[in-house]
């Protein structure tokens, strides 16, 4: 099926979906956060919650670094994937600085430099 045979969505439907997603996202994030901010949670739960940011970052990094290593013709060798080196640089920088912003910047600089050098 080509794109010419697909009917465009009505503008109202697009806005209904956007507003519905915003309301759903807000309610699933804000309501639990507002309730839990008034409750003293046990130390074990707080410790467990402390692992969520690094787990999310790990999942995002892995997806963005490893998936581009595959293309339509097969795989790109790891030593030619600038994302791997950018990710390693970001991890080392984060380990040294404990700053997400600085480590993200370091990873991006390494990635862009290697993309420029490798073509």
N, C-alpha and C. Protein backbone atom coordinates (compact mmCIF):
# COMPACT_ATOMS: atom_id res chain seq x y z
N UNK A 1 0.85 -1.16 0.00
CA UNK A 1 0.00 0.00 0.00
C UNK A 1 0.90 1.23 0.00
N UNK A 2 0.64 2.15 -0.95
CA UNK A 2 1.45 3.36 -0.97
C UNK A 2 0.77 4.46 -0.19
N UNK A 3 1.49 5.53 0.06
CA UNK A 3 0.97 6.60 0.90
C UNK A 3 -0.14 7.38 0.22
N UNK A 4 -0.24 7.30 -1.11
CA UNK A 4 -1.27 8.04 -1.82
C UNK A 4 -2.67 7.47 -1.56
N UNK A 5 -2.75 6.19 -1.21
CA UNK A 5 -4.06 5.57 -1.03
C UNK A 5 -4.56 5.67 0.41
N UNK A 6 -3.81 6.27 1.29
CA UNK A 6 -4.21 6.42 2.69
C UNK A 6 -4.90 7.76 2.86
N UNK A 7 -6.11 7.72 3.42
CA UNK A 7 -6.86 8.96 3.63
C UNK A 7 -6.26 9.73 4.80
N UNK A 8 -6.17 11.05 4.69
CA UNK A 8 -5.63 11.83 5.80
C UNK A 8 -6.58 11.81 6.99
N UNK A 9 -6.01 11.89 8.18
CA UNK A 9 -6.82 11.91 9.40
C UNK A 9 -7.42 13.30 9.59
N UNK A 10 -8.65 13.34 10.10
CA UNK A 10 -9.24 14.66 10.38
C UNK A 10 -8.45 15.39 11.46
N UNK A 11 -8.36 16.71 11.32
CA UNK A 11 -7.62 17.55 12.26
C UNK A 11 -8.15 17.38 13.68
N UNK A 12 -9.46 17.29 13.83
CA UNK A 12 -10.07 17.15 15.16
C UNK A 12 -9.62 15.85 15.83
N UNK A 13 -9.53 14.76 15.07
CA UNK A 13 -9.10 13.48 15.63
C UNK A 13 -7.66 13.56 16.11
N UNK A 14 -6.81 14.24 15.36
CA UNK A 14 -5.41 14.39 15.77
C UNK A 14 -5.34 15.13 17.10
N UNK A 15 -6.11 16.22 17.25
CA UNK A 15 -6.09 16.99 18.50
C UNK A 15 -6.68 16.20 19.65
N UNK A 16 -7.72 15.41 19.38
CA UNK A 16 -8.31 14.57 20.44
C UNK A 16 -7.28 13.58 20.94
N UNK A 17 -6.53 12.97 20.04
CA UNK A 17 -5.50 12.00 20.44
C UNK A 17 -4.40 12.70 21.24
N UNK A 18 -3.94 13.87 20.79
CA UNK A 18 -2.89 14.60 21.50
C UNK A 18 -3.34 14.98 22.90
N UNK A 19 -4.54 15.55 23.03
CA UNK A 19 -5.04 15.95 24.34
C UNK A 19 -5.27 14.72 25.23
N UNK A 20 -5.80 13.65 24.65
CA UNK A 20 -6.02 12.42 25.42
C UNK A 20 -4.71 11.84 25.93
N UNK A 21 -3.68 11.86 25.10
CA UNK A 21 -2.38 11.36 25.53
C UNK A 21 -1.79 12.24 26.63
N UNK A 22 -1.97 13.55 26.51
CA UNK A 22 -1.45 14.47 27.53
C UNK A 22 -2.15 14.23 28.87
N UNK A 23 -3.46 14.08 28.85
CA UNK A 23 -4.22 13.83 30.08
C UNK A 23 -3.81 12.50 30.70
N UNK A 24 -3.70 11.48 29.89
CA UNK A 24 -3.30 10.16 30.39
C UNK A 24 -1.89 10.20 30.98
N UNK A 25 -0.96 10.81 30.26
CA UNK A 25 0.42 10.91 30.73
C UNK A 25 0.49 11.68 32.04
N UNK A 26 -0.20 12.81 32.11
CA UNK A 26 -0.22 13.62 33.32
C UNK A 26 -0.78 12.83 34.49
N UNK A 27 -1.91 12.14 34.28
CA UNK A 27 -2.55 11.43 35.39
C UNK A 27 -1.70 10.26 35.87
N UNK A 28 -1.04 9.56 34.97
CA UNK A 28 -0.22 8.43 35.39
C UNK A 28 1.08 8.85 36.06
N UNK A 29 1.51 10.09 35.84
CA UNK A 29 2.73 10.57 36.47
C UNK A 29 2.45 11.43 37.69
N UNK A 30 1.56 12.39 37.57
CA UNK A 30 1.35 13.36 38.63
C UNK A 30 0.60 12.79 39.83
N UNK A 31 -0.46 12.06 39.57
CA UNK A 31 -1.29 11.56 40.68
C UNK A 31 -0.48 10.66 41.62
N UNK A 32 0.21 9.63 41.13
CA UNK A 32 1.02 8.82 42.06
C UNK A 32 2.11 9.63 42.75
N UNK A 33 2.73 10.55 42.01
CA UNK A 33 3.80 11.35 42.61
C UNK A 33 3.25 12.26 43.70
N UNK A 34 2.09 12.84 43.48
CA UNK A 34 1.53 13.73 44.51
C UNK A 34 1.08 12.95 45.74
N UNK A 35 0.62 11.74 45.55
CA UNK A 35 0.21 10.92 46.69
C UNK A 35 1.44 10.42 47.45
N UNK A 36 2.42 9.92 46.73
CA UNK A 36 3.60 9.35 47.38
C UNK A 36 4.49 10.41 48.02
N UNK A 37 4.39 11.66 47.58
CA UNK A 37 5.23 12.70 48.18
C UNK A 37 4.79 13.02 49.61
N UNK A 38 3.59 12.63 49.97
CA UNK A 38 3.08 12.90 51.32
C UNK A 38 3.23 11.70 52.25
N UNK A 39 3.76 10.60 51.72
CA UNK A 39 3.88 9.36 52.48
C UNK A 39 5.36 9.08 52.76
N UNK A 40 5.67 8.66 53.97
CA UNK A 40 7.04 8.25 54.30
C UNK A 40 7.20 6.79 53.87
N UNK A 41 8.01 6.57 52.85
CA UNK A 41 8.21 5.21 52.34
C UNK A 41 9.34 4.52 53.10
N UNK A 42 9.26 3.19 53.22
CA UNK A 42 10.34 2.45 53.88
C UNK A 42 11.66 2.60 53.13
N UNK A 43 12.77 2.46 53.86
CA UNK A 43 14.10 2.62 53.27
C UNK A 43 14.34 1.65 52.12
N UNK A 44 13.82 0.43 52.24
CA UNK A 44 13.99 -0.57 51.19
C UNK A 44 13.31 -0.10 49.90
N UNK A 45 12.13 0.46 50.01
CA UNK A 45 11.41 0.96 48.83
C UNK A 45 12.16 2.15 48.24
N UNK A 46 12.64 3.05 49.08
CA UNK A 46 13.41 4.19 48.59
C UNK A 46 14.69 3.75 47.89
N UNK A 47 15.33 2.73 48.43
CA UNK A 47 16.54 2.20 47.78
C UNK A 47 16.20 1.62 46.42
N UNK A 48 15.08 0.87 46.38
CA UNK A 48 14.64 0.28 45.12
C UNK A 48 14.31 1.37 44.10
N UNK A 49 13.64 2.42 44.52
CA UNK A 49 13.29 3.51 43.62
C UNK A 49 14.53 4.24 43.11
N UNK A 50 15.60 4.22 43.87
CA UNK A 50 16.84 4.85 43.45
C UNK A 50 17.47 4.19 42.24
N UNK A 51 17.11 2.94 41.96
CA UNK A 51 17.67 2.24 40.80
C UNK A 51 16.91 2.54 39.51
N UNK A 52 15.76 3.16 39.59
CA UNK A 52 14.95 3.40 38.40
C UNK A 52 15.64 4.31 37.40
N UNK A 53 16.20 5.47 37.81
CA UNK A 53 16.82 6.34 36.80
C UNK A 53 17.96 5.67 36.04
N UNK A 54 18.82 4.95 36.73
CA UNK A 54 19.94 4.32 36.02
C UNK A 54 19.46 3.18 35.13
N UNK A 55 18.39 2.51 35.53
CA UNK A 55 17.83 1.45 34.69
C UNK A 55 17.24 2.03 33.42
N UNK A 56 16.53 3.13 33.56
CA UNK A 56 15.95 3.77 32.38
C UNK A 56 17.04 4.27 31.46
N UNK A 57 18.06 4.91 32.04
CA UNK A 57 19.16 5.40 31.21
C UNK A 57 19.89 4.26 30.50
N UNK A 58 20.07 3.15 31.22
CA UNK A 58 20.71 1.99 30.60
C UNK A 58 19.92 1.47 29.41
N UNK A 59 18.61 1.41 29.57
CA UNK A 59 17.76 0.93 28.47
C UNK A 59 17.79 1.90 27.30
N UNK A 60 17.75 3.19 27.57
CA UNK A 60 17.80 4.17 26.49
C UNK A 60 19.14 4.14 25.78
N UNK A 61 20.23 4.08 26.55
CA UNK A 61 21.55 4.03 25.93
C UNK A 61 21.70 2.77 25.08
N UNK A 62 21.32 1.63 25.62
CA UNK A 62 21.48 0.38 24.87
C UNK A 62 20.70 0.42 23.56
N UNK A 63 19.49 0.91 23.62
CA UNK A 63 18.68 0.98 22.41
C UNK A 63 19.30 1.92 21.38
N UNK A 64 19.71 3.09 21.79
CA UNK A 64 20.25 4.07 20.86
C UNK A 64 21.65 3.72 20.36
N UNK A 65 22.38 2.95 21.14
CA UNK A 65 23.75 2.61 20.74
C UNK A 65 23.78 1.34 19.90
N UNK A 66 23.07 0.31 20.32
CA UNK A 66 23.18 -0.98 19.66
C UNK A 66 22.28 -1.14 18.43
N UNK A 67 21.10 -0.58 18.44
CA UNK A 67 20.20 -0.76 17.30
C UNK A 67 20.74 -0.15 16.01
N UNK A 68 21.37 1.03 16.03
CA UNK A 68 21.91 1.54 14.77
C UNK A 68 23.03 0.69 14.20
N UNK A 69 23.55 -0.27 14.96
CA UNK A 69 24.61 -1.14 14.44
C UNK A 69 24.07 -2.13 13.41
N UNK A 70 22.76 -2.17 13.26
CA UNK A 70 22.16 -3.06 12.27
C UNK A 70 21.58 -2.21 11.15
N UNK A 71 21.87 -2.62 9.92
CA UNK A 71 21.29 -1.89 8.80
C UNK A 71 20.66 -2.89 7.84
N UNK A 72 20.22 -2.42 6.69
CA UNK A 72 19.51 -3.28 5.74
C UNK A 72 20.40 -4.39 5.17
N UNK A 73 21.70 -4.19 5.17
CA UNK A 73 22.59 -5.18 4.58
C UNK A 73 23.16 -6.16 5.60
N UNK A 74 22.82 -6.01 6.84
CA UNK A 74 23.36 -6.90 7.87
C UNK A 74 23.75 -6.11 9.08
N UNK A 75 24.97 -6.31 9.52
CA UNK A 75 25.42 -5.59 10.71
C UNK A 75 26.65 -4.76 10.40
N UNK A 76 26.82 -3.74 11.16
CA UNK A 76 28.02 -2.91 11.08
C UNK A 76 28.95 -3.40 12.19
N UNK A 77 30.21 -3.66 11.90
CA UNK A 77 31.12 -4.12 12.95
C UNK A 77 31.18 -3.11 14.10
N UNK A 78 31.31 -3.61 15.31
CA UNK A 78 31.32 -2.74 16.48
C UNK A 78 32.41 -1.69 16.42
N UNK A 79 33.56 -2.04 15.86
CA UNK A 79 34.65 -1.09 15.82
C UNK A 79 34.39 0.05 14.82
N UNK A 80 33.36 -0.08 13.97
CA UNK A 80 32.99 1.00 13.06
C UNK A 80 31.74 1.75 13.53
N UNK A 81 31.19 1.37 14.68
CA UNK A 81 29.98 2.00 15.20
C UNK A 81 30.37 3.10 16.18
N UNK A 82 30.26 4.36 15.77
CA UNK A 82 30.67 5.45 16.66
C UNK A 82 29.81 5.54 17.92
N UNK A 83 28.59 5.01 17.86
CA UNK A 83 27.72 5.03 19.03
C UNK A 83 28.29 4.23 20.19
N UNK A 84 28.97 3.13 19.88
CA UNK A 84 29.58 2.31 20.93
C UNK A 84 30.63 3.13 21.68
N UNK A 85 31.49 3.81 20.94
CA UNK A 85 32.55 4.58 21.57
C UNK A 85 32.01 5.81 22.29
N UNK A 86 30.97 6.43 21.72
CA UNK A 86 30.33 7.54 22.40
C UNK A 86 29.70 7.09 23.71
N UNK A 87 29.07 5.91 23.69
CA UNK A 87 28.46 5.37 24.91
C UNK A 87 29.49 5.02 25.96
N UNK A 88 30.60 4.42 25.53
CA UNK A 88 31.67 4.09 26.48
C UNK A 88 32.26 5.37 27.07
N UNK A 89 32.45 6.37 26.22
CA UNK A 89 32.96 7.66 26.72
C UNK A 89 32.00 8.30 27.70
N UNK A 90 30.70 8.22 27.41
CA UNK A 90 29.69 8.77 28.33
C UNK A 90 29.70 8.02 29.66
N UNK A 91 29.84 6.70 29.61
CA UNK A 91 29.85 5.92 30.85
C UNK A 91 31.07 6.25 31.70
N UNK A 92 32.23 6.35 31.05
CA UNK A 92 33.45 6.68 31.80
C UNK A 92 33.34 8.09 32.40
N UNK A 93 32.84 9.02 31.60
CA UNK A 93 32.68 10.39 32.09
C UNK A 93 31.70 10.45 33.25
N UNK A 94 30.60 9.70 33.15
CA UNK A 94 29.63 9.69 34.24
C UNK A 94 30.24 9.10 35.50
N UNK A 95 31.04 8.06 35.33
CA UNK A 95 31.68 7.43 36.49
C UNK A 95 32.62 8.41 37.19
N UNK A 96 33.29 9.25 36.42
CA UNK A 96 34.23 10.20 36.99
C UNK A 96 33.56 11.46 37.55
N UNK A 97 32.51 11.94 36.87
CA UNK A 97 31.91 13.22 37.25
C UNK A 97 30.58 13.10 37.98
N UNK A 98 29.88 11.98 37.81
CA UNK A 98 28.53 11.79 38.36
C UNK A 98 27.57 12.85 37.85
N UNK A 99 27.85 13.40 36.69
CA UNK A 99 27.00 14.42 36.09
C UNK A 99 26.41 13.88 34.79
N UNK A 100 25.10 13.79 34.75
CA UNK A 100 24.44 13.29 33.55
C UNK A 100 24.67 14.24 32.38
N UNK A 101 24.60 15.54 32.64
CA UNK A 101 24.76 16.53 31.57
C UNK A 101 26.16 16.46 30.96
N UNK A 102 27.17 16.41 31.80
CA UNK A 102 28.55 16.36 31.29
C UNK A 102 28.81 15.06 30.55
N UNK A 103 28.33 13.95 31.10
CA UNK A 103 28.56 12.67 30.43
C UNK A 103 27.81 12.59 29.11
N UNK A 104 26.62 13.13 29.05
CA UNK A 104 25.87 13.15 27.79
C UNK A 104 26.61 13.99 26.75
N UNK A 105 27.11 15.12 27.18
CA UNK A 105 27.86 15.99 26.27
C UNK A 105 29.12 15.29 25.78
N UNK A 106 29.83 14.63 26.67
CA UNK A 106 31.06 13.92 26.28
C UNK A 106 30.74 12.83 25.27
N UNK A 107 29.68 12.08 25.53
CA UNK A 107 29.28 11.02 24.60
C UNK A 107 28.92 11.58 23.24
N UNK A 108 28.20 12.70 23.22
CA UNK A 108 27.81 13.30 21.94
C UNK A 108 29.03 13.82 21.17
N UNK A 109 29.97 14.44 21.90
CA UNK A 109 31.18 14.96 21.24
C UNK A 109 31.97 13.81 20.62
N UNK A 110 32.14 12.73 21.36
CA UNK A 110 32.87 11.57 20.84
C UNK A 110 32.14 10.99 19.63
N UNK A 111 30.83 10.86 19.73
CA UNK A 111 30.02 10.30 18.64
C UNK A 111 30.15 11.15 17.39
N UNK A 112 29.97 12.47 17.52
CA UNK A 112 30.03 13.36 16.36
C UNK A 112 31.43 13.35 15.76
N UNK A 113 32.45 13.38 16.60
CA UNK A 113 33.83 13.36 16.09
C UNK A 113 34.10 12.09 15.30
N UNK A 114 33.68 10.96 15.84
CA UNK A 114 33.91 9.70 15.12
C UNK A 114 33.07 9.59 13.85
N UNK A 115 31.85 10.10 13.88
CA UNK A 115 31.02 10.11 12.65
C UNK A 115 31.71 10.94 11.58
N UNK A 116 32.29 12.07 12.00
CA UNK A 116 33.00 12.92 11.07
C UNK A 116 34.24 12.22 10.49
N UNK A 117 34.99 11.54 11.37
CA UNK A 117 36.22 10.87 10.94
C UNK A 117 35.96 9.61 10.12
N UNK A 118 34.94 8.83 10.53
CA UNK A 118 34.67 7.56 9.84
C UNK A 118 33.77 7.74 8.62
N UNK A 119 33.11 8.85 8.52
CA UNK A 119 32.24 9.10 7.36
C UNK A 119 30.87 8.61 7.46
